[in-house]
């Protein structure tokens, strides 16, 4: 059984341990990059690819190059490119093939400050 002095010592010790632990944990986890965790378009594209690949597969690479817009200095919008339809013409000027692209493009909106994914879609 604890006597009163031991009990008070234990309570005081636990109180200071809690404060000390809280402060050290806070200091370690308070790092915040000045330009956010997604500071540039290159980083935004890498995150977009990492999210799209398990969802849509390697077909996303048909939509390269990827486009990036920074909306209001807070949200990155990354989206694929559409390839236009085109004709292939031989030396005589005859049309020998028509290439059509189909399908939509992937889109993702990411918060610049903390990488939160706002929305992911694939247009039609």
PDB file of N, CA and C in Angstrom:
ATOM      1  N   UNK A   1       0.840  -1.178   0.000  1.00  0.00           N
ATOM      2  CA  UNK A   1       0.000   0.000   0.000  1.00  0.00           C
ATOM      3  C   UNK A   1       0.883   1.238   0.000  1.00  0.00           C
ATOM      4  N   UNK A   2       0.478   2.261  -0.761  1.00  0.00           N
ATOM      5  CA  UNK A   2       1.227   3.515  -0.829  1.00  0.00           C
ATOM      6  C   UNK A   2       0.847   4.419   0.331  1.00  0.00           C
ATOM      7  N   UNK A   3       1.860   5.037   0.888  1.00  0.00           N
ATOM      8  CA  UNK A   3       1.515   6.040   1.889  1.00  0.00           C
ATOM      9  C   UNK A   3       1.250   7.358   1.161  1.00  0.00           C
ATOM     10  N   UNK A   4       0.840   8.354   1.860  1.00  0.00           N
ATOM     11  CA  UNK A   4       0.423   9.624   1.253  1.00  0.00           C
ATOM     12  C   UNK A   4       1.560  10.310   0.509  1.00  0.00           C
ATOM     13  N   UNK A   5       2.799  10.271   1.044  1.00  0.00           N
ATOM     14  CA  UNK A   5       3.936  10.907   0.384  1.00  0.00           C
ATOM     15  C   UNK A   5       4.245  10.216  -0.951  1.00  0.00           C
ATOM     16  N   UNK A   6       4.220   8.889  -0.935  1.00  0.00           N
ATOM     17  CA  UNK A   6       4.478   8.146  -2.175  1.00  0.00           C
ATOM     18  C   UNK A   6       3.381   8.411  -3.209  1.00  0.00           C
ATOM     19  N   UNK A   7       2.155   8.489  -2.748  1.00  0.00           N
ATOM     20  CA  UNK A   7       1.032   8.759  -3.638  1.00  0.00           C
ATOM     21  C   UNK A   7       1.167  10.145  -4.278  1.00  0.00           C
ATOM     22  N   UNK A   8       1.490  11.149  -3.504  1.00  0.00           N
ATOM     23  CA  UNK A   8       1.656  12.516  -4.026  1.00  0.00           C
ATOM     24  C   UNK A   8       2.833  12.555  -4.995  1.00  0.00           C
ATOM     25  N   UNK A   9       3.942  11.891  -4.628  1.00  0.00           N
ATOM     26  CA  UNK A   9       5.106  11.839  -5.519  1.00  0.00           C
ATOM     27  C   UNK A   9       4.717  11.209  -6.863  1.00  0.00           C
ATOM     28  N   UNK A  10       3.976  10.111  -6.819  1.00  0.00           N
ATOM     29  CA  UNK A  10       3.547   9.431  -8.035  1.00  0.00           C
ATOM     30  C   UNK A  10       2.659  10.332  -8.896  1.00  0.00           C
ATOM     31  N   UNK A  11       1.739  11.024  -8.306  1.00  0.00           N
ATOM     32  CA  UNK A  11       0.846  11.937  -9.036  1.00  0.00           C
ATOM     33  C   UNK A  11       1.649  13.070  -9.677  1.00  0.00           C
ATOM     34  N   UNK A  12       2.553  13.682  -8.913  1.00  0.00           N
ATOM     35  CA  UNK A  12       3.376  14.777  -9.438  1.00  0.00           C
ATOM     36  C   UNK A  12       4.247  14.267 -10.578  1.00  0.00           C
ATOM     37  N   UNK A  13       4.858  13.112 -10.384  1.00  0.00           N
ATOM     38  CA  UNK A  13       5.717  12.533 -11.423  1.00  0.00           C
ATOM     39  C   UNK A  13       4.923  12.268 -12.709  1.00  0.00           C
ATOM     40  N   UNK A  14       3.745  11.673 -12.603  1.00  0.00           N
ATOM     41  CA  UNK A  14       2.902  11.415 -13.775  1.00  0.00           C
ATOM     42  C   UNK A  14       2.500  12.715 -14.472  1.00  0.00           C
ATOM     43  N   UNK A  15       2.194  13.738 -13.686  1.00  0.00           N
ATOM     44  CA  UNK A  15       1.809  15.024 -14.246  1.00  0.00           C
ATOM     45  C   UNK A  15       2.953  15.618 -15.078  1.00  0.00           C
ATOM     46  N   UNK A  16       4.168  15.634 -14.523  1.00  0.00           N
ATOM     47  CA  UNK A  16       5.310  16.182 -15.255  1.00  0.00           C
ATOM     48  C   UNK A  16       5.707  15.310 -16.447  1.00  0.00           C
ATOM     49  N   UNK A  17       5.573  14.003 -16.295  1.00  0.00           N
ATOM     50  CA  UNK A  17       5.860  13.098 -17.406  1.00  0.00           C
ATOM     51  C   UNK A  17       4.910  13.388 -18.563  1.00  0.00           C
ATOM     52  N   UNK A  18       3.632  13.583 -18.261  1.00  0.00           N
ATOM     53  CA  UNK A  18       2.639  13.872 -19.286  1.00  0.00           C
ATOM     54  C   UNK A  18       2.961  15.183 -20.009  1.00  0.00           C
ATOM     55  N   UNK A  19       3.290  16.214 -19.254  1.00  0.00           N
ATOM     56  CA  UNK A  19       3.631  17.512 -19.855  1.00  0.00           C
ATOM     57  C   UNK A  19       4.888  17.381 -20.710  1.00  0.00           C
ATOM     58  N   UNK A  20       5.897  16.719 -20.186  1.00  0.00           N
ATOM     59  CA  UNK A  20       7.150  16.547 -20.925  1.00  0.00           C
ATOM     60  C   UNK A  20       6.918  15.773 -22.208  1.00  0.00           C
ATOM     61  N   UNK A  21       6.163  14.688 -22.142  1.00  0.00           N
ATOM     62  CA  UNK A  21       5.883  13.868 -23.319  1.00  0.00           C
ATOM     63  C   UNK A  21       5.074  14.663 -24.343  1.00  0.00           C
ATOM     64  N   UNK A  22       4.086  15.412 -23.863  1.00  0.00           N
ATOM     65  CA  UNK A  22       3.259  16.213 -24.775  1.00  0.00           C
ATOM     66  C   UNK A  22       4.092  17.242 -25.512  1.00  0.00           C
ATOM     67  N   UNK A  23       4.992  17.915 -24.805  1.00  0.00           N
ATOM     68  CA  UNK A  23       5.820  18.944 -25.427  1.00  0.00           C
ATOM     69  C   UNK A  23       6.755  18.340 -26.466  1.00  0.00           C
ATOM     70  N   UNK A  24       7.406  17.225 -26.136  1.00  0.00           N
ATOM     71  CA  UNK A  24       8.348  16.635 -27.092  1.00  0.00           C
ATOM     72  C   UNK A  24       7.606  16.109 -28.312  1.00  0.00           C
ATOM     73  N   UNK A  25       6.436  15.536 -28.133  1.00  0.00           N
ATOM     74  CA  UNK A  25       5.646  15.042 -29.257  1.00  0.00           C
ATOM     75  C   UNK A  25       5.196  16.204 -30.148  1.00  0.00           C
ATOM     76  N   UNK A  26       4.784  17.278 -29.519  1.00  0.00           N
ATOM     77  CA  UNK A  26       4.334  18.442 -30.273  1.00  0.00           C
ATOM     78  C   UNK A  26       5.475  19.030 -31.107  1.00  0.00           C
ATOM     79  N   UNK A  27       6.654  19.136 -30.529  1.00  0.00           N
ATOM     80  CA  UNK A  27       7.787  19.705 -31.246  1.00  0.00           C
ATOM     81  C   UNK A  27       8.157  18.858 -32.463  1.00  0.00           C
ATOM     82  N   UNK A  28       8.098  17.558 -32.355  1.00  0.00           N
ATOM     83  CA  UNK A  28       8.435  16.673 -33.466  1.00  0.00           C
ATOM     84  C   UNK A  28       7.406  16.797 -34.580  1.00  0.00           C
ATOM     85  N   UNK A  29       6.139  16.918 -34.236  1.00  0.00           N
ATOM     86  CA  UNK A  29       5.073  16.915 -35.233  1.00  0.00           C
ATOM     87  C   UNK A  29       4.612  18.299 -35.673  1.00  0.00           C
ATOM     88  N   UNK A  30       5.275  19.341 -35.257  1.00  0.00           N
ATOM     89  CA  UNK A  30       4.874  20.676 -35.663  1.00  0.00           C
ATOM     90  C   UNK A  30       5.574  21.157 -36.931  1.00  0.00           C
ATOM     91  N   UNK A  31       6.352  20.296 -37.586  1.00  0.00           N
ATOM     92  CA  UNK A  31       7.026  20.707 -38.810  1.00  0.00           C
ATOM     93  C   UNK A  31       5.999  20.945 -39.903  1.00  0.00           C
ATOM     94  N   UNK A  32       6.098  22.096 -40.538  1.00  0.00           N
ATOM     95  CA  UNK A  32       5.198  22.417 -41.639  1.00  0.00           C
ATOM     96  C   UNK A  32       6.004  23.160 -42.689  1.00  0.00           C
ATOM     97  N   UNK A  33       6.156  22.575 -43.880  1.00  0.00           N
ATOM     98  CA  UNK A  33       6.938  23.244 -44.920  1.00  0.00           C
ATOM     99  C   UNK A  33       6.333  24.600 -45.289  1.00  0.00           C
ATOM    100  N   UNK A  34       7.187  25.544 -45.547  1.00  0.00           N
ATOM    101  CA  UNK A  34       6.741  26.902 -45.876  1.00  0.00           C
ATOM    102  C   UNK A  34       5.795  26.927 -47.077  1.00  0.00           C
ATOM    103  N   UNK A  35       6.092  26.119 -48.098  1.00  0.00           N
ATOM    104  CA  UNK A  35       5.263  26.090 -49.314  1.00  0.00           C
ATOM    105  C   UNK A  35       4.271  24.939 -49.322  1.00  0.00           C
ATOM    106  N   UNK A  36       4.024  24.321 -48.180  1.00  0.00           N
ATOM    107  CA  UNK A  36       3.094  23.209 -48.092  1.00  0.00           C
ATOM    108  C   UNK A  36       3.770  21.898 -48.466  1.00  0.00           C
ATOM    109  N   UNK A  37       3.058  20.804 -48.269  1.00  0.00           N
ATOM    110  CA  UNK A  37       3.605  19.487 -48.576  1.00  0.00           C
ATOM    111  C   UNK A  37       3.572  19.178 -50.068  1.00  0.00           C
ATOM    112  N   UNK A  38       2.821  19.960 -50.840  1.00  0.00           N
ATOM    113  CA  UNK A  38       2.805  19.820 -52.308  1.00  0.00           C
ATOM    114  C   UNK A  38       3.240  21.168 -52.872  1.00  0.00           C
ATOM    115  N   UNK A  39       4.542  21.457 -52.818  1.00  0.00           N
ATOM    116  CA  UNK A  39       5.011  22.809 -53.131  1.00  0.00           C
ATOM    117  C   UNK A  39       5.028  23.172 -54.607  1.00  0.00           C
ATOM    118  N   UNK A  40       5.050  22.154 -55.488  1.00  0.00           N
ATOM    119  CA  UNK A  40       5.193  22.473 -56.911  1.00  0.00           C
ATOM    120  C   UNK A  40       4.425  21.484 -57.782  1.00  0.00           C
ATOM    121  N   UNK A  41       4.367  21.803 -59.068  1.00  0.00           N
ATOM    122  CA  UNK A  41       3.590  20.986 -60.002  1.00  0.00           C
ATOM    123  C   UNK A  41       4.172  19.586 -60.168  1.00  0.00           C
ATOM    124  N   UNK A  42       5.476  19.448 -60.083  1.00  0.00           N
ATOM    125  CA  UNK A  42       6.108  18.126 -60.212  1.00  0.00           C
ATOM    126  C   UNK A  42       5.634  17.196 -59.100  1.00  0.00           C
ATOM    127  N   UNK A  43       5.599  17.698 -57.889  1.00  0.00           N
ATOM    128  CA  UNK A  43       5.126  16.907 -56.752  1.00  0.00           C
ATOM    129  C   UNK A  43       3.649  16.569 -56.924  1.00  0.00           C
ATOM    130  N   UNK A  44       2.855  17.522 -57.386  1.00  0.00           N
ATOM    131  CA  UNK A  44       1.419  17.288 -57.598  1.00  0.00           C
ATOM    132  C   UNK A  44       1.203  16.170 -58.618  1.00  0.00           C
ATOM    133  N   UNK A  45       1.981  16.160 -59.686  1.00  0.00           N
ATOM    134  CA  UNK A  45       1.850  15.118 -60.713  1.00  0.00           C
ATOM    135  C   UNK A  45       2.226  13.751 -60.137  1.00  0.00           C
ATOM    136  N   UNK A  46       3.285  13.692 -59.358  1.00  0.00           N
ATOM    137  CA  UNK A  46       3.702  12.409 -58.770  1.00  0.00           C
ATOM    138  C   UNK A  46       2.618  11.854 -57.844  1.00  0.00           C
ATOM    139  N   UNK A  47       2.007  12.715 -57.060  1.00  0.00           N
ATOM    140  CA  UNK A  47       0.928  12.274 -56.174  1.00  0.00           C
ATOM    141  C   UNK A  47      -0.267  11.819 -57.000  1.00  0.00           C
ATOM    142  N   UNK A  48      -0.595  12.569 -58.046  1.00  0.00           N
ATOM    143  CA  UNK A  48      -1.716  12.202 -58.913  1.00  0.00           C
ATOM    144  C   UNK A  48      -1.505  10.814 -59.521  1.00  0.00           C
ATOM    145  N   UNK A  49      -0.312  10.566 -60.036  1.00  0.00           N
ATOM    146  CA  UNK A  49      -0.014   9.258 -60.617  1.00  0.00           C
ATOM    147  C   UNK A  49      -0.155   8.149 -59.580  1.00  0.00           C
ATOM    148  N   UNK A  50       0.326   8.399 -58.368  1.00  0.00           N
ATOM    149  CA  UNK A  50       0.243   7.393 -57.308  1.00  0.00           C
ATOM    150  C   UNK A  50      -1.202   7.073 -56.940  1.00  0.00           C
ATOM    151  N   UNK A  51      -2.080   8.062 -57.038  1.00  0.00           N
ATOM    152  CA  UNK A  51      -3.492   7.851 -56.730  1.00  0.00           C
ATOM    153  C   UNK A  51      -4.207   7.201 -57.916  1.00  0.00           C
ATOM    154  N   UNK A  52      -3.953   7.684 -59.125  1.00  0.00           N
ATOM    155  CA  UNK A  52      -4.651   7.178 -60.311  1.00  0.00           C
ATOM    156  C   UNK A  52      -4.298   5.743 -60.669  1.00  0.00           C
ATOM    157  N   UNK A  53      -3.042   5.372 -60.523  1.00  0.00           N
ATOM    158  CA  UNK A  53      -2.569   4.077 -60.997  1.00  0.00           C
ATOM    159  C   UNK A  53      -3.367   2.896 -60.434  1.00  0.00           C
ATOM    160  N   UNK A  54      -3.597   2.803 -59.118  1.00  0.00           N
ATOM    161  CA  UNK A  54      -4.385   1.674 -58.625  1.00  0.00           C
ATOM    162  C   UNK A  54      -5.863   1.745 -59.018  1.00  0.00           C
ATOM    163  N   UNK A  55      -6.346   2.943 -59.306  1.00  0.00           N
ATOM    164  CA  UNK A  55      -7.766   3.109 -59.661  1.00  0.00           C
ATOM    165  C   UNK A  55      -7.995   2.833 -61.141  1.00  0.00           C
ATOM    166  N   UNK A  56      -7.209   3.471 -62.014  1.00  0.00           N
ATOM    167  CA  UNK A  56      -7.455   3.431 -63.455  1.00  0.00           C
ATOM    168  C   UNK A  56      -6.452   2.584 -64.232  1.00  0.00           C
ATOM    169  N   UNK A  57      -5.374   2.169 -63.595  1.00  0.00           N
ATOM    170  CA  UNK A  57      -4.373   1.342 -64.257  1.00  0.00           C
ATOM    171  C   UNK A  57      -3.413   2.152 -65.114  1.00  0.00           C
ATOM    172  N   UNK A  58      -2.590   1.415 -65.862  1.00  0.00           N
ATOM    173  CA  UNK A  58      -1.538   2.053 -66.667  1.00  0.00           C
ATOM    174  C   UNK A  58      -2.086   2.861 -67.841  1.00  0.00           C
ATOM    175  N   UNK A  59      -3.368   2.743 -68.108  1.00  0.00           N
ATOM    176  CA  UNK A  59      -3.992   3.528 -69.171  1.00  0.00           C
ATOM    177  C   UNK A  59      -3.898   5.030 -68.947  1.00  0.00           C
ATOM    178  N   UNK A  60      -3.634   5.433 -67.718  1.00  0.00           N
ATOM    179  CA  UNK A  60      -3.509   6.878 -67.445  1.00  0.00           C
ATOM    180  C   UNK A  60      -2.369   7.489 -68.243  1.00  0.00           C
ATOM    181  N   UNK A  61      -1.358   6.668 -68.553  1.00  0.00           N
ATOM    182  CA  UNK A  61      -0.193   7.207 -69.255  1.00  0.00           C
ATOM    183  C   UNK A  61      -0.499   7.552 -70.714  1.00  0.00           C
ATOM    184  N   UNK A  62      -1.645   7.100 -71.226  1.00  0.00           N
ATOM    185  CA  UNK A  62      -2.074   7.515 -72.566  1.00  0.00           C
ATOM    186  C   UNK A  62      -2.468   8.988 -72.572  1.00  0.00           C
ATOM    187  N   UNK A  63      -2.721   9.518 -71.386  1.00  0.00           N
ATOM    188  CA  UNK A  63      -3.168  10.907 -71.264  1.00  0.00           C
ATOM    189  C   UNK A  63      -2.050  11.872 -70.902  1.00  0.00           C
ATOM    190  N   UNK A  64      -0.810  11.457 -71.135  1.00  0.00           N
ATOM    191  CA  UNK A  64       0.323  12.355 -70.909  1.00  0.00           C
ATOM    192  C   UNK A  64       0.462  13.284 -72.095  1.00  0.00           C
ATOM    193  N   UNK A  65       0.982  14.461 -71.933  1.00  0.00           N
ATOM    194  CA  UNK A  65       1.499  15.026 -70.691  1.00  0.00           C
ATOM    195  C   UNK A  65       0.361  15.441 -69.769  1.00  0.00           C
ATOM    196  N   UNK A  66       0.622  15.381 -68.471  1.00  0.00           N
ATOM    197  CA  UNK A  66      -0.366  15.801 -67.499  1.00  0.00           C
ATOM    198  C   UNK A  66      -0.300  17.318 -67.344  1.00  0.00           C
ATOM    199  N   UNK A  67      -1.467  17.914 -67.196  1.00  0.00           N
ATOM    200  CA  UNK A  67      -1.585  19.366 -67.018  1.00  0.00           C
ATOM    201  C   UNK A  67      -1.788  19.667 -65.533  1.00  0.00           C
ATOM    202  N   UNK A  68      -1.294  20.813 -65.106  1.00  0.00           N
ATOM    203  CA  UNK A  68      -1.407  21.194 -63.697  1.00  0.00           C
ATOM    204  C   UNK A  68      -1.795  22.663 -63.600  1.00  0.00           C
ATOM    205  N   UNK A  69      -2.774  22.933 -62.745  1.00  0.00           N
ATOM    206  CA  UNK A  69      -3.173  24.314 -62.459  1.00  0.00           C
ATOM    207  C   UNK A  69      -3.179  24.491 -60.947  1.00  0.00           C
ATOM    208  N   UNK A  70      -2.719  25.625 -60.474  1.00  0.00           N
ATOM    209  CA  UNK A  70      -2.822  25.955 -59.055  1.00  0.00           C
ATOM    210  C   UNK A  70      -3.987  26.930 -58.908  1.00  0.00           C
ATOM    211  N   UNK A  71      -5.008  26.510 -58.198  1.00  0.00           N
ATOM    212  CA  UNK A  71      -6.221  27.309 -58.034  1.00  0.00           C
ATOM    213  C   UNK A  71      -6.139  28.075 -56.719  1.00  0.00           C
ATOM    214  N   UNK A  72      -6.100  29.391 -56.817  1.00  0.00           N
ATOM    215  CA  UNK A  72      -6.103  30.247 -55.630  1.00  0.00           C
ATOM    216  C   UNK A  72      -4.947  30.002 -54.670  1.00  0.00           C
ATOM    217  N   UNK A  73      -3.832  29.537 -55.155  1.00  0.00           N
ATOM    218  CA  UNK A  73      -2.648  29.249 -54.345  1.00  0.00           C
ATOM    219  C   UNK A  73      -2.921  28.237 -53.227  1.00  0.00           C
ATOM    220  N   UNK A  74      -3.982  27.417 -53.378  1.00  0.00           N
ATOM    221  CA  UNK A  74      -4.295  26.436 -52.340  1.00  0.00           C
ATOM    222  C   UNK A  74      -4.582  25.032 -52.868  1.00  0.00           C
ATOM    223  N   UNK A  75      -5.133  24.916 -54.068  1.00  0.00           N
ATOM    224  CA  UNK A  75      -5.553  23.614 -54.606  1.00  0.00           C
ATOM    225  C   UNK A  75      -4.857  23.351 -55.932  1.00  0.00           C
ATOM    226  N   UNK A  76      -4.217  22.172 -56.034  1.00  0.00           N
ATOM    227  CA  UNK A  76      -3.653  21.734 -57.309  1.00  0.00           C
ATOM    228  C   UNK A  76      -4.709  20.935 -58.058  1.00  0.00           C
ATOM    229  N   UNK A  77      -4.906  21.257 -59.331  1.00  0.00           N
ATOM    230  CA  UNK A  77      -5.768  20.470 -60.214  1.00  0.00           C
ATOM    231  C   UNK A  77      -4.848  19.843 -61.251  1.00  0.00           C
ATOM    232  N   UNK A  78      -4.748  18.515 -61.206  1.00  0.00           N
ATOM    233  CA  UNK A  78      -3.917  17.780 -62.155  1.00  0.00           C
ATOM    234  C   UNK A  78      -4.862  16.984 -63.045  1.00  0.00           C
ATOM    235  N   UNK A  79      -4.634  17.032 -64.355  1.00  0.00           N
ATOM    236  CA  UNK A  79      -5.506  16.302 -65.270  1.00  0.00           C
ATOM    237  C   UNK A  79      -4.728  15.903 -66.520  1.00  0.00           C
ATOM    238  N   UNK A  80      -5.227  14.873 -67.162  1.00  0.00           N
ATOM    239  CA  UNK A  80      -4.570  14.363 -68.358  1.00  0.00           C
ATOM    240  C   UNK A  80      -4.874  15.183 -69.585  1.00  0.00           C
ATOM    241  N   UNK A  81      -4.147  14.891 -70.651  1.00  0.00           N
ATOM    242  CA  UNK A  81      -4.354  15.559 -71.933  1.00  0.00           C
ATOM    243  C   UNK A  81      -5.195  14.653 -72.828  1.00  0.00           C
ATOM    244  N   UNK A  82      -5.966  15.274 -73.680  1.00  0.00           N
ATOM    245  CA  UNK A  82      -6.685  14.495 -74.690  1.00  0.00           C
ATOM    246  C   UNK A  82      -5.894  14.565 -75.980  1.00  0.00           C
ATOM    247  N   UNK A  83      -5.803  13.456 -76.624  1.00  0.00           N
ATOM    248  CA  UNK A  83      -5.121  13.433 -77.918  1.00  0.00           C
ATOM    249  C   UNK A  83      -6.186  13.645 -78.990  1.00  0.00           C
ATOM    250  N   UNK A  84      -5.900  14.498 -79.902  1.00  0.00           N
ATOM    251  CA  UNK A  84      -6.849  14.828 -80.957  1.00  0.00           C
ATOM    252  C   UNK A  84      -6.859  13.723 -82.019  1.00  0.00           C
ATOM    253  N   UNK A  85      -7.953  13.623 -82.700  1.00  0.00           N
ATOM    254  CA  UNK A  85      -8.022  12.710 -83.832  1.00  0.00           C
ATOM    255  C   UNK A  85      -7.184  13.278 -84.967  1.00  0.00           C
ATOM    256  N   UNK A  86      -6.582  12.385 -85.740  1.00  0.00           N
ATOM    257  CA  UNK A  86      -5.758  12.868 -86.836  1.00  0.00           C
ATOM    258  C   UNK A  86      -5.783  11.876 -87.989  1.00  0.00           C
ATOM    259  N   UNK A  87      -5.484  12.392 -89.159  1.00  0.00           N
ATOM    260  CA  UNK A  87      -5.408  11.586 -90.380  1.00  0.00           C
ATOM    261  C   UNK A  87      -3.956  11.308 -90.704  1.00  0.00           C
ATOM    262  N   UNK A  88      -3.709  10.118 -91.195  1.00  0.00           N
ATOM    263  CA  UNK A  88      -2.380   9.783 -91.676  1.00  0.00           C
ATOM    264  C   UNK A  88      -2.441   9.831 -93.200  1.00  0.00           C
ATOM    265  N   UNK A  89      -1.561  10.575 -93.806  1.00  0.00           N
ATOM    266  CA  UNK A  89      -1.587  10.791 -95.252  1.00  0.00           C
ATOM    267  C   UNK A  89      -0.274  10.292 -95.855  1.00  0.00           C
ATOM    268  N   UNK A  90      -0.386   9.564 -96.972  1.00  0.00           N
ATOM    269  CA  UNK A  90       0.836   9.051 -97.621  1.00  0.00           C
ATOM    270  C   UNK A  90       1.446  10.112 -98.527  1.00  0.00           C
ATOM    271  N   UNK A  91       2.542   9.727 -99.223  1.00  0.00           N
ATOM    272  CA  UNK A  91       3.281  10.683-100.059  1.00  0.00           C
ATOM    273  C   UNK A  91       2.442  11.254-101.202  1.00  0.00           C
ATOM    274  N   UNK A  92       1.448  10.506-101.674  1.00  0.00           N
ATOM    275  CA  UNK A  92       0.594  10.958-102.780  1.00  0.00           C
ATOM    276  C   UNK A  92      -0.514  11.902-102.309  1.00  0.00           C
ATOM    277  N   UNK A  93      -0.629  12.035-101.014  1.00  0.00           N
ATOM    278  CA  UNK A  93      -1.682  12.899-100.495  1.00  0.00           C
ATOM    279  C   UNK A  93      -2.963  12.159-100.183  1.00  0.00           C
ATOM    280  N   UNK A  94      -2.928  10.837-100.274  1.00  0.00           N
ATOM    281  CA  UNK A  94      -4.113  10.027 -99.970  1.00  0.00           C
ATOM    282  C   UNK A  94      -4.219   9.780 -98.460  1.00  0.00           C
ATOM    283  N   UNK A  95      -5.440   9.840 -97.962  1.00  0.00           N
ATOM    284  CA  UNK A  95      -5.671   9.500 -96.562  1.00  0.00           C
ATOM    285  C   UNK A  95      -5.613   7.985 -96.431  1.00  0.00           C
ATOM    286  N   UNK A  96      -4.716   7.502 -95.574  1.00  0.00           N
ATOM    287  CA  UNK A  96      -4.603   6.051 -95.428  1.00  0.00           C
ATOM    288  C   UNK A  96      -5.080   5.560 -94.063  1.00  0.00           C
ATOM    289  N   UNK A  97      -5.252   6.445 -93.115  1.00  0.00           N
ATOM    290  CA  UNK A  97      -5.738   6.009 -91.803  1.00  0.00           C
ATOM    291  C   UNK A  97      -6.318   7.194 -91.042  1.00  0.00           C
ATOM    292  N   UNK A  98      -7.332   6.901 -90.277  1.00  0.00           N
ATOM    293  CA  UNK A  98      -7.926   7.898 -89.392  1.00  0.00           C
ATOM    294  C   UNK A  98      -7.748   7.380 -87.973  1.00  0.00           C
ATOM    295  N   UNK A  99      -7.093   8.146 -87.160  1.00  0.00           N
ATOM    296  CA  UNK A  99      -6.861   7.748 -85.762  1.00  0.00           C
ATOM    297  C   UNK A  99      -7.778   8.573 -84.871  1.00  0.00           C
ATOM    298  N   UNK A 100      -8.631   7.874 -84.146  1.00  0.00           N
ATOM    299  CA  UNK A 100      -9.552   8.537 -83.225  1.00  0.00           C
ATOM    300  C   UNK A 100      -9.170   8.172 -81.798  1.00  0.00           C
ATOM    301  N   UNK A 101      -9.285   9.125 -80.932  1.00  0.00           N
ATOM    302  CA  UNK A 101      -9.063   8.823 -79.521  1.00  0.00           C
ATOM    303  C   UNK A 101     -10.405   8.771 -78.834  1.00  0.00           C
ATOM    304  N   UNK A 102     -10.515   7.892 -77.888  1.00  0.00           N
ATOM    305  CA  UNK A 102     -11.776   7.788 -77.160  1.00  0.00           C
ATOM    306  C   UNK A 102     -11.483   7.737 -75.669  1.00  0.00           C
ATOM    307  N   UNK A 103     -12.518   7.887 -74.903  1.00  0.00           N
ATOM    308  CA  UNK A 103     -12.353   7.845 -73.452  1.00  0.00           C
ATOM    309  C   UNK A 103     -12.089   9.223 -72.888  1.00  0.00           C
ATOM    310  N   UNK A 104     -12.149   9.291 -71.576  1.00  0.00           N
ATOM    311  CA  UNK A 104     -11.948  10.575 -70.915  1.00  0.00           C
ATOM    312  C   UNK A 104     -10.548  10.695 -70.360  1.00  0.00           C
ATOM    313  N   UNK A 105     -10.424  11.627 -69.464  1.00  0.00           N
ATOM    314  CA  UNK A 105      -9.116  11.889 -68.846  1.00  0.00           C
ATOM    315  C   UNK A 105      -9.263  11.906 -67.327  1.00  0.00           C
ATOM    316  N   UNK A 106      -8.198  11.504 -66.631  1.00  0.00           N
ATOM    317  CA  UNK A 106      -8.260  11.537 -65.169  1.00  0.00           C
ATOM    318  C   UNK A 106      -8.061  12.964 -64.644  1.00  0.00           C
ATOM    319  N   UNK A 107      -8.711  13.247 -63.537  1.00  0.00           N
ATOM    320  CA  UNK A 107      -8.589  14.536 -62.846  1.00  0.00           C
ATOM    321  C   UNK A 107      -8.382  14.261 -61.364  1.00  0.00           C
ATOM    322  N   UNK A 108      -7.626  15.122 -60.708  1.00  0.00           N
ATOM    323  CA  UNK A 108      -7.509  15.073 -59.253  1.00  0.00           C
ATOM    324  C   UNK A 108      -7.300  16.491 -58.740  1.00  0.00           C
ATOM    325  N   UNK A 109      -7.896  16.775 -57.598  1.00  0.00           N
ATOM    326  CA  UNK A 109      -7.701  18.050 -56.917  1.00  0.00           C
ATOM    327  C   UNK A 109      -7.066  17.745 -55.568  1.00  0.00           C
ATOM    328  N   UNK A 110      -5.925  18.375 -55.293  1.00  0.00           N
ATOM    329  CA  UNK A 110      -5.156  18.151 -54.067  1.00  0.00           C
ATOM    330  C   UNK A 110      -4.951  19.459 -53.328  1.00  0.00           C
ATOM    331  N   UNK A 111      -5.046  19.411 -52.020  1.00  0.00           N
ATOM    332  CA  UNK A 111      -4.748  20.611 -51.238  1.00  0.00           C
ATOM    333  C   UNK A 111      -3.234  20.746 -51.108  1.00  0.00           C
ATOM    334  N   UNK A 112      -2.727  21.905 -51.442  1.00  0.00           N
ATOM    335  CA  UNK A 112      -1.293  22.186 -51.442  1.00  0.00           C
ATOM    336  C   UNK A 112      -0.680  22.073 -50.051  1.00  0.00           C
ATOM    337  N   UNK A 113      -1.377  22.526 -49.047  1.00  0.00           N
ATOM    338  CA  UNK A 113      -0.805  22.604 -47.709  1.00  0.00           C
ATOM    339  C   UNK A 113      -0.563  21.239 -47.074  1.00  0.00           C
ATOM    340  N   UNK A 114      -1.490  20.283 -47.260  1.00  0.00           N
ATOM    341  CA  UNK A 114      -1.376  19.017 -46.523  1.00  0.00           C
ATOM    342  C   UNK A 114      -1.619  17.758 -47.361  1.00  0.00           C
ATOM    343  N   UNK A 115      -1.698  17.885 -48.664  1.00  0.00           N
ATOM    344  CA  UNK A 115      -1.901  16.788 -49.629  1.00  0.00           C
ATOM    345  C   UNK A 115      -3.284  16.142 -49.572  1.00  0.00           C
ATOM    346  N   UNK A 116      -4.225  16.753 -48.890  1.00  0.00           N
ATOM    347  CA  UNK A 116      -5.567  16.161 -48.824  1.00  0.00           C
ATOM    348  C   UNK A 116      -6.141  16.061 -50.235  1.00  0.00           C
ATOM    349  N   UNK A 117      -6.685  14.896 -50.560  1.00  0.00           N
ATOM    350  CA  UNK A 117      -7.323  14.693 -51.860  1.00  0.00           C
ATOM    351  C   UNK A 117      -8.746  15.226 -51.750  1.00  0.00           C
ATOM    352  N   UNK A 118      -9.046  16.217 -52.556  1.00  0.00           N
ATOM    353  CA  UNK A 118     -10.372  16.833 -52.545  1.00  0.00           C
ATOM    354  C   UNK A 118     -11.341  16.019 -53.396  1.00  0.00           C
ATOM    355  N   UNK A 119     -10.867  15.625 -54.596  1.00  0.00           N
ATOM    356  CA  UNK A 119     -11.749  14.906 -55.518  1.00  0.00           C
ATOM    357  C   UNK A 119     -10.917  14.180 -56.555  1.00  0.00           C
ATOM    358  N   UNK A 120     -11.385  13.003 -56.971  1.00  0.00           N
ATOM    359  CA  UNK A 120     -10.759  12.238 -58.058  1.00  0.00           C
ATOM    360  C   UNK A 120     -11.876  11.807 -58.984  1.00  0.00           C
ATOM    361  N   UNK A 121     -11.732  12.107 -60.277  1.00  0.00           N
ATOM    362  CA  UNK A 121     -12.725  11.671 -61.261  1.00  0.00           C
ATOM    363  C   UNK A 121     -12.020  11.277 -62.556  1.00  0.00           C
ATOM    364  N   UNK A 122     -12.772  10.611 -63.416  1.00  0.00           N
ATOM    365  CA  UNK A 122     -12.311  10.310 -64.762  1.00  0.00           C
ATOM    366  C   UNK A 122     -13.429  10.747 -65.691  1.00  0.00           C
ATOM    367  N   UNK A 123     -13.163  11.764 -66.498  1.00  0.00           N
ATOM    368  CA  UNK A 123     -14.221  12.289 -67.364  1.00  0.00           C
ATOM    369  C   UNK A 123     -14.486  11.321 -68.512  1.00  0.00           C
ATOM    370  N   UNK A 124     -15.631  11.509 -69.145  1.00  0.00           N
ATOM    371  CA  UNK A 124     -16.010  10.633 -70.268  1.00  0.00           C
ATOM    372  C   UNK A 124     -15.888  11.347 -71.571  1.00  0.00           C
TER     373      UNK A 124
END
